[in-house]
Protein backbone atom coordinates (compact mmCIF):
# COMPACT_ATOMS: atom_id res chain seq x y z
CA UNK A 1 99.78 68.45 107.45
CA UNK A 2 102.24 70.97 108.94
CA UNK A 3 104.66 73.02 106.87
CA UNK A 4 108.25 72.24 107.88
CA UNK A 5 109.91 75.29 106.35
CA UNK A 6 111.14 78.14 108.55
CA UNK A 7 109.30 81.44 108.18
CA UNK A 8 111.21 84.57 107.19
CA UNK A 9 108.47 86.86 108.48
CA UNK A 10 107.71 88.21 111.96
CA UNK A 11 104.14 88.17 113.34
CA UNK A 12 103.38 91.44 115.13
CA UNK A 13 101.19 91.74 118.23
CA UNK A 14 99.77 88.19 118.02
CA UNK A 15 96.60 87.45 120.00
CA UNK A 16 94.17 84.58 120.57
CA UNK A 17 90.55 85.26 119.71
CA UNK A 18 87.38 83.66 121.02
CA UNK A 19 86.61 80.31 122.60
CA UNK A 20 88.18 78.56 119.61
CA UNK A 21 91.49 80.30 120.36
CA UNK A 22 91.99 81.55 116.81
CA UNK A 23 95.58 82.73 116.51
CA UNK A 24 95.58 86.14 114.81
CA UNK A 25 98.60 88.21 113.79
CA UNK A 26 97.56 91.86 113.98
CA UNK A 27 100.45 92.57 111.65
CA UNK A 28 103.38 91.00 109.86
CA UNK A 29 106.85 92.42 109.25
CA UNK A 30 108.48 91.01 106.13
CA UNK A 31 111.80 92.55 105.20
CA UNK A 32 111.05 96.14 104.16
CA UNK A 33 107.26 95.65 104.25
CA UNK A 34 104.64 95.80 106.99
CA UNK A 35 101.13 94.39 106.67
CA UNK A 36 98.12 94.94 108.92
CA UNK A 37 95.31 92.70 107.73
CA UNK A 38 91.72 92.30 108.88
CA UNK A 39 91.88 95.34 111.15
CA UNK A 40 88.61 96.06 112.91
CA UNK A 41 87.63 98.16 115.91
CA UNK A 42 88.08 95.23 118.26
CA UNK A 43 89.62 95.03 121.71
CA UNK A 44 90.79 91.40 121.12
CA UNK A 45 88.76 90.24 124.12
CA UNK A 46 85.07 90.81 123.52
CA UNK A 47 84.83 91.50 119.80
CA UNK A 48 84.10 95.08 118.74
CA UNK A 49 85.20 97.24 121.65
CA UNK A 50 82.27 98.14 123.97
CA UNK A 51 83.22 101.82 123.99
CA UNK A 52 82.96 101.83 120.17
CA UNK A 53 79.46 100.33 120.20
CA UNK A 54 78.41 102.34 123.28
CA UNK A 55 75.13 100.44 123.24
CA UNK A 56 73.66 102.01 126.39
CA UNK A 57 74.39 105.61 125.33
CA UNK A 58 74.99 105.49 121.57
CA UNK A 59 74.53 109.24 121.01
CA UNK A 60 76.44 110.58 124.00
CA UNK A 61 79.71 110.94 122.09
CA UNK A 62 81.02 110.68 118.56
CA UNK A 63 78.90 108.81 116.00
CA UNK A 64 79.47 105.06 116.18
CA UNK A 65 81.19 104.79 112.80
CA UNK A 66 83.60 107.62 113.58
CA UNK A 67 84.47 105.84 116.84
CA UNK A 68 84.92 102.65 114.86
CA UNK A 69 87.30 104.28 112.38
CA UNK A 70 89.29 105.91 115.20
CA UNK A 71 89.82 102.56 116.93
CA UNK A 72 90.84 100.96 113.62
CA UNK A 73 93.52 103.57 113.01
CA UNK A 74 94.74 103.21 116.59
CA UNK A 75 95.14 99.48 115.94
CA UNK A 76 96.94 100.15 112.64
CA UNK A 77 99.21 102.66 114.37
CA UNK A 78 100.16 100.04 116.97
CA UNK A 79 101.19 97.60 114.23
CA UNK A 80 103.25 100.21 112.41
CA UNK A 81 105.03 101.25 115.59
CA UNK A 82 105.79 97.60 116.42
CA UNK A 83 107.47 97.28 113.02
CA UNK A 84 109.50 100.47 113.34
CA UNK A 85 107.60 102.58 110.81
CA UNK A 86 104.68 105.02 110.90
CA UNK A 87 101.54 106.23 109.14
CA UNK A 88 103.53 108.45 106.74
CA UNK A 89 104.84 105.28 105.11
CA UNK A 90 101.50 103.65 104.30
CA UNK A 91 101.44 102.59 100.65
CA UNK A 92 97.98 101.08 100.32
CA UNK A 93 94.72 100.57 102.20
CA UNK A 94 91.72 98.40 101.31
CA UNK A 95 88.37 98.88 103.01
CA UNK A 96 85.40 96.52 103.22
CA UNK A 97 82.14 97.88 104.60
CA UNK A 98 78.77 96.38 105.44
CA UNK A 99 77.07 99.50 104.08
CA UNK A 100 78.04 102.47 101.94
CA UNK A 101 76.72 104.66 104.78
CA UNK A 102 79.92 103.86 106.67
CA UNK A 103 82.17 105.41 104.03
CA UNK A 104 81.83 109.14 104.87
CA UNK A 105 82.59 108.63 108.57
CA UNK A 106 85.60 106.46 107.79
CA UNK A 107 86.97 108.88 105.20
CA UNK A 108 86.60 111.84 107.57
CA UNK A 109 88.65 110.09 110.24
CA UNK A 110 91.18 108.87 107.67
CA UNK A 111 91.73 112.42 106.34
CA UNK A 112 92.42 113.68 109.85
CA UNK A 113 94.62 110.72 110.77
CA UNK A 114 96.78 110.80 107.63
CA UNK A 115 96.81 114.58 107.14
CA UNK A 116 96.90 114.63 103.35
CA UNK A 117 99.16 111.59 102.83
CA UNK A 118 96.41 109.12 101.94
CA UNK A 119 97.77 106.20 99.93
CA UNK A 120 95.93 104.49 97.06
CA UNK A 121 92.72 103.04 98.41
CA UNK A 122 89.95 100.59 97.53
CA UNK A 123 86.50 100.73 99.14
CA UNK A 124 83.95 97.96 98.65
CA UNK A 125 80.60 97.18 100.31
CA UNK A 126 80.27 93.50 101.14
CA UNK A 127 77.53 91.31 102.58
CA UNK A 128 79.01 90.82 106.05
CA UNK A 129 82.06 90.99 108.30
CA UNK A 130 83.49 88.67 110.90
CA UNK A 131 82.28 90.42 114.07
CA UNK A 132 78.73 91.50 114.96
CA UNK A 133 78.48 95.27 115.09
CA UNK A 134 81.40 95.82 112.72
CA UNK A 135 80.85 98.06 109.70
CA UNK A 136 84.50 98.27 108.60
CA UNK A 137 87.36 95.85 107.91
CA UNK A 138 90.65 97.41 106.81
CA UNK A 139 93.84 96.08 105.24
CA UNK A 140 96.89 98.34 105.40
CA UNK A 141 100.33 97.98 103.87
CA UNK A 142 103.35 100.12 104.69
CA UNK A 143 107.02 100.37 103.84
CA UNK A 144 110.06 100.60 106.09
CA UNK A 145 111.97 103.29 104.19
CA UNK A 146 115.61 102.96 103.27
CA UNK A 147 117.76 104.68 100.64
CA UNK A 148 116.15 104.10 97.26
CA UNK A 149 113.00 102.78 98.92
CA UNK A 150 111.12 105.91 99.97
CA UNK A 151 107.36 106.49 99.66
CA UNK A 152 106.44 109.01 96.95
CA UNK A 153 102.86 110.19 96.40
CA UNK A 154 102.13 111.12 92.78
CA UNK A 155 99.47 113.78 92.30
CA UNK A 156 97.33 114.68 89.31
CA UNK A 157 94.23 116.88 89.47
CA UNK A 158 92.25 115.01 86.82
CA UNK A 159 92.93 111.59 88.38
CA UNK A 160 92.39 112.53 92.01
CA UNK A 161 88.88 111.03 92.19
CA UNK A 162 86.35 112.38 94.66
CA UNK A 163 87.54 115.23 96.93
CA UNK A 164 86.12 113.40 99.96
CA UNK A 165 88.48 110.48 99.38
CA UNK A 166 91.71 112.44 99.12
CA UNK A 167 93.89 109.47 98.16
CA UNK A 168 96.78 109.71 95.73
CA UNK A 169 96.06 108.44 92.19
CA UNK A 170 99.43 106.65 92.24
CA UNK A 171 102.23 106.00 94.72
CA UNK A 172 105.70 104.57 94.33
CA UNK A 173 108.14 102.97 96.72
CA UNK A 174 111.30 101.65 95.15
CA UNK A 175 110.28 99.91 91.92
CA UNK A 176 106.71 99.23 93.11
CA UNK A 177 103.73 101.25 91.87
CA UNK A 178 100.41 101.24 93.73
CA UNK A 179 97.24 102.32 91.93
CA UNK A 180 93.95 102.79 93.84
CA UNK A 181 90.68 101.01 93.21
CA UNK A 182 89.35 102.58 90.03
CA UNK A 183 85.70 102.73 89.02
CA UNK A 184 83.81 104.38 86.19
CA UNK A 185 82.97 107.30 88.49
CA UNK A 186 82.69 110.54 86.52
CA UNK A 187 85.26 113.18 87.44
CA UNK A 188 85.35 116.89 86.75
CA UNK A 189 82.85 117.96 84.12
CA UNK A 190 82.49 114.51 82.50
CA UNK A 191 78.89 113.75 81.46
CA UNK A 192 77.47 111.05 83.72
CA UNK A 193 74.43 109.04 84.70
CA UNK A 194 73.94 107.99 88.35
CA UNK A 195 77.62 108.65 89.00
CA UNK A 196 78.94 106.62 86.05
CA UNK A 197 80.82 108.45 83.30
CA UNK A 198 78.69 108.50 80.16
CA UNK A 199 81.65 107.21 78.14
CA UNK A 200 81.48 103.97 80.15
CA UNK A 201 77.79 103.38 79.43
CA UNK A 202 75.73 102.09 76.56
CA UNK A 203 73.68 104.77 74.83
CA UNK A 204 70.37 105.04 76.64
CA UNK A 205 67.71 102.98 74.91
CA UNK A 206 70.25 101.15 72.71
CA UNK A 207 69.71 97.60 73.96
CA UNK A 208 72.00 95.95 71.40
CA UNK A 209 74.90 98.43 71.48
CA UNK A 210 77.19 96.14 73.48
CA UNK A 211 77.62 94.40 76.82
CA UNK A 212 77.61 96.92 79.71
CA UNK A 213 80.38 95.21 81.70
CA UNK A 214 82.67 95.15 78.68
CA UNK A 215 82.11 98.85 78.02
CA UNK A 216 82.74 99.76 81.64
CA UNK A 217 85.83 97.54 81.91
CA UNK A 218 87.23 98.99 78.68
CA UNK A 219 86.70 102.52 80.02
CA UNK A 220 88.39 101.79 83.36
CA UNK A 221 91.42 100.16 81.72
CA UNK A 222 91.98 102.60 78.85
CA UNK A 223 90.79 105.88 80.35
CA UNK A 224 91.77 105.48 83.99
CA UNK A 225 94.33 102.75 84.72
CA UNK A 226 96.53 103.63 81.73
CA UNK A 227 96.68 107.28 82.83
CA UNK A 228 97.40 106.42 86.47
CA UNK A 229 100.23 104.09 85.49
CA UNK A 230 101.64 106.78 83.21
CA UNK A 231 102.17 109.03 86.26
CA UNK A 232 104.91 106.60 87.25
CA UNK A 233 106.14 105.98 83.71
CA UNK A 234 104.52 102.54 83.48
CA UNK A 235 102.18 100.77 81.07
CA UNK A 236 99.69 97.91 81.23
CA UNK A 237 102.40 95.31 80.65
CA UNK A 238 104.03 96.42 83.91
CA UNK A 239 101.04 95.38 86.05
CA UNK A 240 101.79 92.37 88.27
CA UNK A 241 98.58 91.89 90.27
CA UNK A 242 94.99 93.10 90.28
CA UNK A 243 91.84 92.78 92.36
CA UNK A 244 88.49 93.02 90.59
CA UNK A 245 85.11 93.50 92.26
CA UNK A 246 81.87 92.86 90.36
CA UNK A 247 78.33 93.70 91.43
CA UNK A 248 76.77 91.21 88.98
CA UNK A 249 77.89 87.58 89.07
CA UNK A 250 76.71 87.12 85.48
CA UNK A 251 79.62 89.33 84.38
CA UNK A 252 82.55 87.05 85.29
CA UNK A 253 83.21 85.66 81.80
CA UNK A 254 82.53 88.88 79.89
CA UNK A 255 84.88 90.79 82.17
CA UNK A 256 87.57 88.14 81.77
CA UNK A 257 87.30 88.32 77.99
CA UNK A 258 87.86 92.08 78.00
CA UNK A 259 90.67 91.84 80.56
CA UNK A 260 92.52 89.17 78.56
CA UNK A 261 92.24 91.22 75.37
CA UNK A 262 94.29 93.97 77.05
CA UNK A 263 96.69 91.88 79.15
CA UNK A 264 97.07 88.73 77.07
CA UNK A 265 97.11 85.11 78.23
CA UNK A 266 100.22 85.63 80.38
CA UNK A 267 99.23 88.85 82.12
CA UNK A 268 99.18 89.65 85.85
CA UNK A 269 97.60 87.51 88.53
CA UNK A 270 94.13 88.66 89.50
CA UNK A 271 91.27 87.86 91.82
CA UNK A 272 87.63 88.43 90.92
CA UNK A 273 85.28 88.85 93.88
CA UNK A 274 81.55 89.57 94.01
CA UNK A 275 80.32 92.55 96.00
CA UNK A 276 76.83 93.83 96.76
CA UNK A 277 74.71 95.67 94.22
CA UNK A 278 75.26 99.46 94.45
CA UNK A 279 78.30 98.70 96.62
CA UNK A 280 80.75 100.89 94.68
CA UNK A 281 81.36 104.65 94.58
CA UNK A 282 79.19 105.27 91.48
CA UNK A 283 75.67 104.15 92.38
CA UNK A 284 75.18 102.18 89.17
CA UNK A 285 78.82 101.14 88.78
CA UNK A 286 79.35 97.46 88.02
CA UNK A 287 83.09 97.05 88.56
CA UNK A 288 86.11 98.32 90.52
CA UNK A 289 89.73 97.38 89.77
CA UNK A 290 92.95 98.09 91.65
CA UNK A 291 96.41 97.20 90.36
CA UNK A 292 99.99 96.91 91.55
CA UNK A 293 102.78 97.37 89.01
CA UNK A 294 106.55 97.62 88.66
CA UNK A 295 108.55 100.44 87.14
CA UNK A 296 109.84 99.44 83.70
CA UNK A 297 113.57 99.05 83.51
CA UNK A 298 114.00 98.77 87.26
CA UNK A 299 115.99 96.15 89.14
CA UNK A 300 112.80 94.52 90.46
CA UNK A 301 111.43 91.96 88.00
CA UNK A 302 108.23 89.97 87.71
CA UNK A 303 108.11 86.26 87.06
CA UNK A 304 105.13 83.96 86.44
CA UNK A 305 105.06 80.93 88.74
CA UNK A 306 103.78 77.57 87.49
CA UNK A 307 103.16 74.63 89.81
CA UNK A 308 100.50 72.87 87.76
CA UNK A 309 97.64 74.44 89.70
CA UNK A 310 94.29 74.80 87.92
CA UNK A 311 92.82 78.30 88.02
CA UNK A 312 89.17 79.32 87.87
CA UNK A 313 89.33 81.46 84.72
CA UNK A 314 90.64 80.99 81.23
CA UNK A 315 94.11 82.55 80.91
CA UNK A 316 94.28 83.30 84.67
CA UNK A 317 97.91 82.94 85.84
CA UNK A 318 98.61 80.67 88.80
CA UNK A 319 100.86 83.17 90.61
CA UNK A 320 103.21 86.07 89.97
CA UNK A 321 106.41 86.89 91.81
CA UNK A 322 107.31 90.58 91.81
CA UNK A 323 110.59 91.22 93.57
CA UNK A 324 110.12 89.95 97.11
CA UNK A 325 106.33 89.56 96.92
CA UNK A 326 104.30 86.65 95.58
CA UNK A 327 100.61 86.95 94.61
CA UNK A 328 98.25 83.96 94.52
CA UNK A 329 94.49 83.67 94.06
CA UNK A 330 92.70 80.39 94.38
CA UNK A 331 89.60 78.25 94.64
CA UNK A 332 89.35 74.47 94.95
CA UNK A 333 89.07 73.78 91.22
CA UNK A 334 90.04 71.23 88.64
CA UNK A 335 89.56 71.37 84.87
CA UNK A 336 85.86 70.56 85.20
CA UNK A 337 84.97 73.03 87.97
CA UNK A 338 84.87 72.42 91.72
CA UNK A 339 87.22 69.59 92.66
CA UNK A 340 85.21 66.45 93.54
CA UNK A 341 87.06 66.13 96.86
CA UNK A 342 85.69 69.53 97.89
CA UNK A 343 82.06 68.92 96.98
CA UNK A 344 79.35 67.97 99.44
CA UNK A 345 77.97 64.42 99.16
CA UNK A 346 74.18 64.84 98.90
CA UNK A 347 73.73 61.29 100.23
CA UNK A 348 75.76 62.07 103.38
CA UNK A 349 75.70 65.87 103.61
CA UNK A 350 76.57 66.13 107.30
CA UNK A 351 79.56 63.81 107.36
CA UNK A 352 82.05 66.35 106.08
CA UNK A 353 82.78 70.06 105.84
CA UNK A 354 82.92 71.19 102.20
CA UNK A 355 84.46 74.49 103.30
CA UNK A 356 87.23 72.64 105.15
CA UNK A 357 87.82 70.41 102.13
CA UNK A 358 88.03 73.44 99.84
CA UNK A 359 90.47 75.14 102.23
CA UNK A 360 92.69 72.03 102.28
CA UNK A 361 92.94 72.05 98.49
CA UNK A 362 93.53 75.81 98.32
CA UNK A 363 96.17 75.72 101.07
CA UNK A 364 97.92 72.83 99.31
CA UNK A 365 97.97 74.76 96.04
CA UNK A 366 99.31 77.88 97.75
CA UNK A 367 102.06 75.77 99.35
CA UNK A 368 103.03 74.32 95.94
CA UNK A 369 103.21 77.77 94.37
CA UNK A 370 105.22 79.13 97.30
CA UNK A 371 107.73 76.30 96.93
CA UNK A 372 107.97 76.89 93.18
CA UNK A 373 108.76 80.54 93.92
CA UNK A 374 111.45 79.68 96.47
CA UNK A 375 109.35 80.56 99.50
CA UNK A 376 106.91 78.74 101.78
CA UNK A 377 103.37 78.93 103.15
CA UNK A 378 104.93 80.07 106.41
CA UNK A 379 105.82 83.36 104.73
CA UNK A 380 102.23 84.39 104.04
CA UNK A 381 101.77 88.05 104.96
CA UNK A 382 98.15 88.56 103.91
CA UNK A 383 95.41 85.92 103.78
CA UNK A 384 92.18 87.32 102.38
CA UNK A 385 89.19 84.99 102.77
CA UNK A 386 86.09 85.59 100.67
CA UNK A 387 83.33 83.33 101.98
CA UNK A 388 79.73 82.92 100.87
CA UNK A 389 78.86 81.95 104.46
CA UNK A 390 80.73 83.41 107.43
CA UNK A 391 79.94 80.23 109.37
CA UNK A 392 82.72 78.60 107.31
CA UNK A 393 85.40 80.90 108.72
CA UNK A 394 86.39 78.69 111.66
CA UNK A 395 86.87 75.55 109.56
CA UNK A 396 88.87 77.41 106.91
CA UNK A 397 91.10 79.13 109.46
CA UNK A 398 91.83 75.91 111.32
CA UNK A 399 93.09 74.33 108.09
CA UNK A 400 95.76 77.03 107.77
CA UNK A 401 96.59 76.90 111.48
CA UNK A 402 97.22 73.15 111.22
CA UNK A 403 99.43 73.57 108.18
CA UNK A 404 101.44 76.29 109.90
CA UNK A 405 101.79 74.50 113.21
CA UNK A 406 99.65 76.99 115.12
CA UNK A 407 101.49 80.08 113.88
CA UNK A 408 99.39 83.29 114.11
CA UNK A 409 97.62 84.11 110.84
CA UNK A 410 97.33 87.53 109.16
CA UNK A 411 93.76 86.97 107.98
CA UNK A 412 90.79 88.97 106.86
CA UNK A 413 87.36 87.41 106.32
CA UNK A 414 84.41 88.97 104.50
CA UNK A 415 81.13 87.45 103.46
CA UNK A 416 80.38 87.97 99.79
CA UNK A 417 77.05 87.68 98.02
CA UNK A 418 77.26 84.34 96.23
CA UNK A 419 77.70 82.60 94.03
CA UNK A 420 81.44 82.52 93.48
CA UNK A 421 82.70 82.07 89.89
CA UNK A 422 82.91 78.26 90.25
CA UNK A 423 79.51 76.63 90.91
CA UNK A 424 79.48 74.97 94.32
CA UNK A 425 82.53 76.87 95.59
CA UNK A 426 81.99 78.72 98.86
CA UNK A 427 85.62 79.68 99.62
CA UNK A 428 87.97 81.93 97.68
CA UNK A 429 91.34 82.96 99.06
CA UNK A 430 93.90 85.50 97.94
CA UNK A 431 97.34 85.07 99.50
CA UNK A 432 100.24 87.52 99.47
CA UNK A 433 103.53 85.89 100.40
CA UNK A 434 106.99 87.20 101.21
CA UNK A 435 109.42 85.65 98.76
CA UNK A 436 112.88 87.19 99.22
């Protein structure tokens, strides 16, 4: 099936990758926004650039991960220039790593590249990335400034996080508010244990004092997110979208219960993704949350979108439209779990691709929600694929290419430690769509 609607977005620096001729958009320009998704230190010919890996003389120059970060920011810079903006107008970055050891090198290069104007950031260690030799996969979002739509970094000493990170605890552009990935990491002189603020932990030795994930989630929402939103004059009800990363897959339901208690059954859209154990800033941290919100009383409004799509979690919204952006998170689910059409047939396991079937259902649901919001699948600006097996990437990507008539895709793919929240699901996709 091919989408027939005309796209209102412009792919930037499109390339074909690999023998399968995967069509990749290095960036997308959508009105006043620019997106660079799935940015790695690749040369778009041979995978990770040979001079980054420097396999024959790995210690003759800069450390490999510094070289990797430098190439990534060069690639991001090229996208921003192609869109008519620059690094000073970045509003958000999201980083996926294969190891926490990559973080210091990346952050050093980022500090030098952005010279103190580091936007809200999320850093997560995942199981694997798309290219061998890659330790970093970056998503960047920038604005094209205009009167009333300028980037403003909001500073606050107590909410600044770790000095090595340097990112702003909140940033505004127009009516949009960007808040970084927030963990239970202790700041200042807060008592802590293995990096986690003591106030987010159960009392040591008190086995029946509560559920750890609920305590940590409660702390992050009430003691961190609320304060960051307040810098921009916003509250929890102004949040429109969130990403949640959990180190323990047993925590899905308990987290969702706590989240719903604060945001209600008609709160923001959100995605919940697994990440590796000890993959967050605090060594024993169990959760990281980032949010995007709107200024209260502004001209930009949020609107829930309903197209009859079944979501994975109780009270999880199908989609939210915030001004000219639409947020969707999906798996191939029905009311009983994984949709039967997406499941493998144990009697004939090699006669179909469950990942392809899941992608078909997810892409169809995204298309329905786009139409309900007055947009189309052709206006996708960010397609984040969370796969339990990277071998499924090709099949999933080809589904979207077919639906979009071969248009270049702004994709990122990371391998997560399974299982996903729905038993049997191996594909989870978060889509951001331009919806003017």
